[in-house]
Every structure is written in structure tokens, then in C-alpha cells.
Amino acid sequence: MRKLVATLLLLLPFLAVAETSDEARLQTLLDRFLAGAASDPEVHSRFWADDLIYTSSSGQRFGKRKIMEGMEQSSDEPITASYHAEEVDIRLFGDTAVVAFQLIGEESGEGQKKTSRYYNTGTFLKRNGQWQAVAWQATRIPD
């Protein structure tokens, strides 16, 4: 019994580092995604899993292909939007993670700035060492 307890005590720091490392990776993934979300198709391709189920704030459900098609269509338009996250909550469950946060979108145009807020919740799977979102829910926060 003492050997078992001693072994567990030796492993605890390594388990904590692995969890922290995955949390840090998910935070970095989210930050990079939001920094390029308005204009970078590669960021979207990396972030979303091929089998994604996305439920938008307008109640529409679609997958990665529709997101990527939207990125191709908007590539000629000037970029007027930027995004960042607040109140990020990352919860790990082995090779699955839930990331919830408040998305802040800022749209600039004609000398004015419009801010929109959304609650976002994403479910991520770690496949082949890479985290990707497999399910997403966005809810607009009323002004």
C-alpha cells in the first residue's frame, strides 16, 4: 500500500503539468483563432474538426464546409471586424475539453464602432495530439 501511495504522489506533479499544458494549448489555440477569425481561412481550417456541428447564434446548424465556403467568399472584402475572448473557462476531461467564454466582436465602419457580445461554448477533442472543435454553440447576449 505504501508503494502505491508513493507512486501516486510521484505521478501527481506530472499529471498537473499535463493538464496545465493542455489548458495552455487550448487557450493559445483560442487566442490565435480569434486573432485570425475575420480573415484567415487557415486558422479556421486548423480550429474546426471536419466533423464539426456548429449551432449559430441565429439558430442555424451547419458544419466546417459551410464555414470554409464563407471564408472563401469574404476574402475580397475589407476586414472591419475583430474578436477577443473574456471570462474563458477551460475544463478538461481526458482527450475532451469544454471551452466556454464570452466572445467580444467589434465592427468598425463609417467612423463608428459596434460591439457585439456572445456566449460561446465549444467541445474539443484531442486527436493525434491536436485539439479541434467538434461542437460549437453561440448565443447572442442582448444589448
Protein backbone atom coordinates (compact mmCIF):
# COMPACT_ATOMS: atom_id res chain seq x y z
CA MET A 1 0.00 0.00 0.00
CA ARG A 2 2.83 2.42 0.82
CA LYS A 3 4.38 1.78 -2.59
CA LEU A 4 1.09 2.59 -4.30
CA VAL A 5 0.70 5.84 -2.36
CA ALA A 6 4.34 6.78 -3.04
CA THR A 7 3.90 6.08 -6.76
CA LEU A 8 0.73 8.18 -6.90
CA LEU A 9 2.46 11.04 -5.11
CA LEU A 10 5.30 10.90 -7.62
CA LEU A 11 2.88 10.99 -10.57
CA LEU A 12 0.72 13.89 -9.35
CA PRO A 13 3.09 16.67 -10.48
CA PHE A 14 3.28 15.13 -13.96
CA LEU A 15 -0.50 14.87 -14.23
CA ALA A 16 -0.87 18.50 -13.15
CA VAL A 17 1.71 19.61 -15.75
CA ALA A 18 -0.10 17.67 -18.50
CA GLU A 19 -3.42 19.27 -17.56
CA THR A 20 -1.90 22.75 -17.38
CA SER A 21 -0.16 22.17 -20.68
CA ASP A 22 -3.44 21.19 -22.38
CA GLU A 23 -5.18 24.19 -20.83
CA ALA A 24 -2.42 26.43 -22.13
CA ARG A 25 -2.60 24.83 -25.58
CA LEU A 26 -6.36 25.34 -25.74
CA GLN A 27 -6.03 28.96 -24.58
CA THR A 28 -3.37 29.60 -27.24
CA LEU A 29 -5.48 27.87 -29.89
CA LEU A 30 -8.48 30.04 -28.97
CA ASP A 31 -6.42 33.25 -28.93
CA ARG A 32 -4.84 32.53 -32.32
CA PHE A 33 -8.20 31.58 -33.78
CA LEU A 34 -9.88 34.78 -32.61
CA ALA A 35 -6.96 36.90 -33.85
CA GLY A 36 -7.38 35.50 -37.37
CA ALA A 37 -11.07 34.59 -37.38
CA ALA A 38 -12.15 37.52 -39.53
CA SER A 39 -9.69 36.94 -42.35
CA ASP A 40 -7.61 33.76 -42.18
CA PRO A 41 -9.05 30.57 -43.72
CA GLU A 42 -6.06 28.56 -42.44
CA VAL A 43 -6.94 29.49 -38.87
CA HIS A 44 -10.46 28.16 -39.43
CA SER A 45 -9.19 25.01 -41.12
CA ARG A 46 -6.95 24.26 -38.13
CA PHE A 47 -9.52 25.15 -35.46
CA TRP A 48 -12.60 23.28 -36.70
CA ALA A 49 -12.73 19.47 -36.97
CA ASP A 50 -14.03 18.03 -40.25
CA ASP A 51 -16.98 16.51 -38.37
CA LEU A 52 -17.94 19.79 -36.65
CA ILE A 53 -21.53 20.53 -35.61
CA TYR A 54 -21.92 24.33 -35.32
CA THR A 55 -25.06 25.97 -33.98
CA SER A 56 -25.02 29.70 -34.69
CA SER A 57 -26.50 32.49 -32.61
CA SER A 58 -29.26 32.79 -35.23
CA GLY A 59 -30.26 29.17 -34.68
CA GLN A 60 -28.76 27.72 -37.85
CA ARG A 61 -26.84 24.44 -37.76
CA PHE A 62 -24.03 23.63 -40.18
CA GLY A 63 -20.56 22.14 -40.45
CA LYS A 64 -17.00 23.06 -41.30
CA ARG A 65 -17.59 23.08 -45.05
CA LYS A 66 -20.08 25.96 -44.83
CA ILE A 67 -17.67 27.94 -42.63
CA MET A 68 -14.84 27.41 -45.10
CA GLU A 69 -17.07 28.39 -48.04
CA GLY A 70 -17.96 31.60 -46.19
CA MET A 71 -14.28 32.35 -45.68
CA GLU A 72 -13.59 31.93 -49.42
CA GLN A 73 -16.47 34.23 -50.38
CA SER A 74 -15.46 37.01 -47.98
CA SER A 75 -11.76 37.07 -48.88
CA ASP A 76 -12.22 40.04 -51.24
CA GLU A 77 -14.00 42.24 -48.71
CA PRO A 78 -12.12 44.65 -46.41
CA ILE A 79 -11.72 43.42 -42.85
CA THR A 80 -13.65 45.58 -40.40
CA ALA A 81 -14.19 43.10 -37.56
CA SER A 82 -12.00 41.92 -34.70
CA TYR A 83 -12.66 39.43 -31.91
CA HIS A 84 -11.38 38.55 -28.46
CA ALA A 85 -12.46 36.40 -25.54
CA GLU A 86 -13.27 37.29 -21.96
CA GLU A 87 -14.16 35.08 -18.99
CA VAL A 88 -12.56 31.98 -20.55
CA ASP A 89 -13.35 28.75 -18.68
CA ILE A 90 -11.48 25.64 -19.88
CA ARG A 91 -12.44 22.25 -18.46
CA LEU A 92 -10.51 19.10 -19.31
CA PHE A 93 -11.92 15.58 -19.40
CA GLY A 94 -9.05 13.47 -20.72
CA ASP A 95 -8.92 13.90 -24.51
CA THR A 96 -12.10 16.00 -24.41
CA ALA A 97 -12.37 19.62 -23.32
CA VAL A 98 -15.16 22.16 -22.97
CA VAL A 99 -14.21 25.79 -23.55
CA ALA A 100 -16.76 28.44 -22.58
CA PHE A 101 -16.19 32.17 -22.90
CA GLN A 102 -17.70 35.50 -23.75
CA LEU A 103 -16.87 36.49 -27.32
CA ILE A 104 -16.50 40.21 -27.95
CA GLY A 105 -16.84 41.25 -31.58
CA GLU A 106 -16.02 44.78 -32.70
CA GLU A 107 -17.05 46.03 -36.11
CA SER A 108 -15.64 49.33 -37.39
CA GLY A 109 -17.07 51.38 -40.18
CA GLU A 110 -18.00 54.92 -41.12
CA GLY A 111 -16.27 56.34 -38.06
CA GLN A 112 -18.24 54.20 -35.64
CA LYS A 113 -17.53 51.05 -33.69
CA LYS A 114 -20.23 48.50 -32.92
CA THR A 115 -19.64 45.91 -30.20
CA SER A 116 -21.47 42.59 -30.04
CA ARG A 117 -21.25 40.01 -27.28
CA TYR A 118 -21.90 36.28 -27.43
CA TYR A 119 -21.67 33.34 -25.08
CA ASN A 120 -19.72 30.62 -26.86
CA THR A 121 -19.26 27.03 -25.77
CA GLY A 122 -17.05 24.65 -27.70
CA THR A 123 -16.37 20.96 -27.26
CA PHE A 124 -12.86 19.93 -28.33
CA LEU A 125 -11.34 16.53 -28.96
CA LYS A 126 -7.64 15.81 -28.90
CA ARG A 127 -6.86 13.65 -31.93
CA ASN A 128 -3.31 12.76 -32.96
CA GLY A 129 -2.05 15.28 -30.39
CA GLN A 130 -4.10 18.18 -31.85
CA TRP A 131 -7.12 19.86 -30.26
CA GLN A 132 -10.01 20.71 -32.60
CA ALA A 133 -13.57 21.89 -32.03
CA VAL A 134 -16.16 19.20 -32.82
CA ALA A 135 -19.23 21.03 -31.49
CA TRP A 136 -19.97 24.72 -31.04
CA GLN A 137 -22.83 26.77 -29.67
CA ALA A 138 -23.07 30.56 -29.94
CA THR A 139 -25.71 32.64 -28.14
CA ARG A 140 -26.03 36.38 -28.67
CA ILE A 141 -26.10 38.40 -25.45
CA PRO A 142 -28.79 41.10 -25.78
CA ASP A 143 -27.61 44.72 -25.57
